[in-house]
Amino acid sequence: MNRWGIPAWLEEEVKARDKVCVYCGVQMIERMPQGGSRRTVATWEHIINDASIVTPENIARCCSACNSSKGTKDLADWMKSNYCKKRGINKDTVAEIVKQALKNEEEADT
């Protein structure tokens, strides 16, 4: 289990699935290069901001820039942010796992 409470089996599954940021699609790197930018470093993400939901549907990998921008914001609210607008991030451009989370959020609201 890693320091975020993600079991090894899930960590491996998500790493195999999420090769690019689930939000912006940038190719991620595992570690920040000496003197380089950490913007594209892969980070762990709870799509729905609830650390108790440790499932393949809620755990993803995204770049450090997207993770920092999203923070603890609700997914649907964050998708309306200037950060997302400037980068062309929307419900049609995100990874399938994020599309499903948005769909589930919409259904819960109706």
C-alpha atoms as a PDB file:
ATOM      1  CA  MET A   1       0.000   0.000   0.000  1.00  0.00           C
ATOM      2  CA  ASN A   2       1.381   3.409  -0.903  1.00  0.00           C
ATOM      3  CA  ARG A   3       1.305   6.504   1.295  1.00  0.00           C
ATOM      4  CA  TRP A   4      -2.111   7.513  -0.122  1.00  0.00           C
ATOM      5  CA  GLY A   5      -3.688   4.230   0.950  1.00  0.00           C
ATOM      6  CA  ILE A   6      -3.763   2.763  -2.556  1.00  0.00           C
ATOM      7  CA  PRO A   7      -3.093  -0.994  -2.533  1.00  0.00           C
ATOM      8  CA  ALA A   8      -0.256  -2.284  -4.732  1.00  0.00           C
ATOM      9  CA  TRP A   9      -2.625  -4.205  -7.047  1.00  0.00           C
ATOM     10  CA  LEU A  10      -4.661  -1.056  -7.742  1.00  0.00           C
ATOM     11  CA  GLU A  11      -1.566   1.089  -8.149  1.00  0.00           C
ATOM     12  CA  GLU A  12      -0.265  -1.287 -10.847  1.00  0.00           C
ATOM     13  CA  GLU A  13      -3.668  -1.443 -12.575  1.00  0.00           C
ATOM     14  CA  VAL A  14      -3.988   2.344 -12.696  1.00  0.00           C
ATOM     15  CA  LYS A  15      -0.382   2.849 -13.840  1.00  0.00           C
ATOM     16  CA  ALA A  16      -1.035   0.456 -16.722  1.00  0.00           C
ATOM     17  CA  ARG A  17      -4.267   2.264 -17.646  1.00  0.00           C
ATOM     18  CA  ASP A  18      -3.254   5.914 -17.201  1.00  0.00           C
ATOM     19  CA  LYS A  19      -0.160   6.561 -19.316  1.00  0.00           C
ATOM     20  CA  VAL A  20      -1.209  10.152 -20.018  1.00  0.00           C
ATOM     21  CA  CYS A  21      -2.960  12.642 -17.742  1.00  0.00           C
ATOM     22  CA  VAL A  22      -6.639  11.684 -17.463  1.00  0.00           C
ATOM     23  CA  TYR A  23      -7.562  15.354 -17.703  1.00  0.00           C
ATOM     24  CA  CYS A  24      -5.293  17.138 -20.206  1.00  0.00           C
ATOM     25  CA  GLY A  25      -3.744  14.146 -21.988  1.00  0.00           C
ATOM     26  CA  VAL A  26      -0.122  15.226 -21.532  1.00  0.00           C
ATOM     27  CA  GLN A  27       2.476  12.431 -21.508  1.00  0.00           C
ATOM     28  CA  MET A  28       3.523  12.120 -17.870  1.00  0.00           C
ATOM     29  CA  ILE A  29       6.906  11.363 -16.348  1.00  0.00           C
ATOM     30  CA  GLU A  30       7.497   9.441 -13.125  1.00  0.00           C
ATOM     31  CA  ARG A  31      10.038  11.761 -11.516  1.00  0.00           C
ATOM     32  CA  MET A  32      10.963  15.398 -11.845  1.00  0.00           C
ATOM     33  CA  PRO A  33      14.228  15.780 -13.774  1.00  0.00           C
ATOM     34  CA  GLN A  34      17.069  17.660 -12.098  1.00  0.00           C
ATOM     35  CA  GLY A  35      16.287  21.342 -12.528  1.00  0.00           C
ATOM     36  CA  GLY A  36      13.207  20.533 -14.622  1.00  0.00           C
ATOM     37  CA  SER A  37       9.543  21.370 -14.352  1.00  0.00           C
ATOM     38  CA  ARG A  38       7.298  19.183 -12.235  1.00  0.00           C
ATOM     39  CA  ARG A  39       4.272  20.121 -14.357  1.00  0.00           C
ATOM     40  CA  THR A  40       4.165  16.758 -16.177  1.00  0.00           C
ATOM     41  CA  VAL A  41       5.096  14.567 -13.201  1.00  0.00           C
ATOM     42  CA  ALA A  42       2.484  11.848 -12.649  1.00  0.00           C
ATOM     43  CA  THR A  43       0.439  12.221  -9.455  1.00  0.00           C
ATOM     44  CA  TRP A  44      -2.276  10.156  -7.800  1.00  0.00           C
ATOM     45  CA  GLU A  45      -5.769  11.537  -8.067  1.00  0.00           C
ATOM     46  CA  HIS A  46      -9.089  10.824  -6.382  1.00  0.00           C
ATOM     47  CA  ILE A  47     -11.470  11.878  -9.153  1.00  0.00           C
ATOM     48  CA  ILE A  48     -14.238  12.290  -6.597  1.00  0.00           C
ATOM     49  CA  ASN A  49     -12.523  14.032  -3.676  1.00  0.00           C
ATOM     50  CA  ASP A  50     -13.133  11.348  -1.104  1.00  0.00           C
ATOM     51  CA  ALA A  51     -10.023   9.546   0.118  1.00  0.00           C
ATOM     52  CA  SER A  52     -12.190   6.685   1.388  1.00  0.00           C
ATOM     53  CA  ILE A  53     -13.161   5.772  -2.209  1.00  0.00           C
ATOM     54  CA  VAL A  54     -10.171   3.683  -3.245  1.00  0.00           C
ATOM     55  CA  THR A  55     -11.525   1.933  -6.332  1.00  0.00           C
ATOM     56  CA  PRO A  56     -10.428   1.610  -9.961  1.00  0.00           C
ATOM     57  CA  GLU A  57     -13.276   4.009 -10.831  1.00  0.00           C
ATOM     58  CA  ASN A  58     -12.008   6.765  -8.537  1.00  0.00           C
ATOM     59  CA  ILE A  59      -8.228   6.427  -8.499  1.00  0.00           C
ATOM     60  CA  ALA A  60      -6.421   7.842 -11.510  1.00  0.00           C
ATOM     61  CA  ARG A  61      -3.155   9.431 -12.532  1.00  0.00           C
ATOM     62  CA  CYS A  62      -2.930  12.994 -13.701  1.00  0.00           C
ATOM     63  CA  CYS A  63      -0.178  15.519 -14.218  1.00  0.00           C
ATOM     64  CA  SER A  64       0.937  17.668 -11.335  1.00  0.00           C
ATOM     65  CA  ALA A  65      -0.416  20.808 -13.019  1.00  0.00           C
ATOM     66  CA  CYS A  66      -3.963  19.425 -13.315  1.00  0.00           C
ATOM     67  CA  ASN A  67      -3.851  17.940  -9.824  1.00  0.00           C
ATOM     68  CA  SER A  68      -2.733  21.267  -8.345  1.00  0.00           C
ATOM     69  CA  SER A  69      -5.431  23.151 -10.219  1.00  0.00           C
ATOM     70  CA  LYS A  70      -8.222  20.744  -9.279  1.00  0.00           C
ATOM     71  CA  GLY A  71      -7.221  20.461  -5.638  1.00  0.00           C
ATOM     72  CA  THR A  72     -10.341  19.672  -3.606  1.00  0.00           C
ATOM     73  CA  LYS A  73     -12.774  21.154  -6.115  1.00  0.00           C
ATOM     74  CA  ASP A  74     -15.777  19.188  -7.257  1.00  0.00           C
ATOM     75  CA  LEU A  75     -15.011  17.623 -10.650  1.00  0.00           C
ATOM     76  CA  ALA A  76     -17.884  19.289 -12.527  1.00  0.00           C
ATOM     77  CA  ASP A  77     -17.069  22.683 -11.004  1.00  0.00           C
ATOM     78  CA  TRP A  78     -13.371  22.350 -11.826  1.00  0.00           C
ATOM     79  CA  MET A  79     -14.213  21.479 -15.435  1.00  0.00           C
ATOM     80  CA  LYS A  80     -15.785  24.964 -15.698  1.00  0.00           C
ATOM     81  CA  SER A  81     -12.650  26.702 -14.389  1.00  0.00           C
ATOM     82  CA  ASN A  82     -10.447  29.076 -16.354  1.00  0.00           C
ATOM     83  CA  TYR A  83      -7.640  26.514 -16.085  1.00  0.00           C
ATOM     84  CA  CYS A  84      -9.707  23.953 -17.996  1.00  0.00           C
ATOM     85  CA  LYS A  85     -11.040  26.493 -20.477  1.00  0.00           C
ATOM     86  CA  LYS A  86      -7.524  27.735 -21.324  1.00  0.00           C
ATOM     87  CA  ARG A  87      -6.284  24.178 -21.869  1.00  0.00           C
ATOM     88  CA  GLY A  88      -9.291  22.891 -23.784  1.00  0.00           C
ATOM     89  CA  ILE A  89     -10.181  20.405 -21.047  1.00  0.00           C
ATOM     90  CA  ASN A  90     -13.853  19.460 -21.200  1.00  0.00           C
ATOM     91  CA  LYS A  91     -16.185  16.490 -20.876  1.00  0.00           C
ATOM     92  CA  ASP A  92     -15.365  15.407 -24.430  1.00  0.00           C
ATOM     93  CA  THR A  93     -11.559  15.548 -24.128  1.00  0.00           C
ATOM     94  CA  VAL A  94     -10.953  13.817 -20.788  1.00  0.00           C
ATOM     95  CA  ALA A  95     -10.194  10.112 -20.332  1.00  0.00           C
ATOM     96  CA  GLU A  96     -13.041   7.611 -20.253  1.00  0.00           C
ATOM     97  CA  ILE A  97     -12.752   7.151 -16.476  1.00  0.00           C
ATOM     98  CA  VAL A  98     -13.362  10.889 -15.984  1.00  0.00           C
ATOM     99  CA  LYS A  99     -16.260  10.879 -18.457  1.00  0.00           C
ATOM    100  CA  GLN A 100     -17.857   8.090 -16.425  1.00  0.00           C
ATOM    101  CA  ALA A 101     -17.354   9.990 -13.149  1.00  0.00           C
ATOM    102  CA  LEU A 102     -19.001  13.069 -14.681  1.00  0.00           C
ATOM    103  CA  LYS A 103     -21.896  10.951 -15.939  1.00  0.00           C
ATOM    104  CA  ASN A 104     -22.344   9.373 -12.502  1.00  0.00           C
ATOM    105  CA  GLU A 105     -22.268  12.826 -10.899  1.00  0.00           C
ATOM    106  CA  GLU A 106     -24.958  14.098 -13.305  1.00  0.00           C
ATOM    107  CA  GLU A 107     -27.164  11.069 -12.628  1.00  0.00           C
ATOM    108  CA  ALA A 108     -26.824  11.555  -8.872  1.00  0.00           C
ATOM    109  CA  ASP A 109     -27.943  15.166  -9.244  1.00  0.00           C
ATOM    110  CA  THR A 110     -31.157  14.227 -11.099  1.00  0.00           C
END
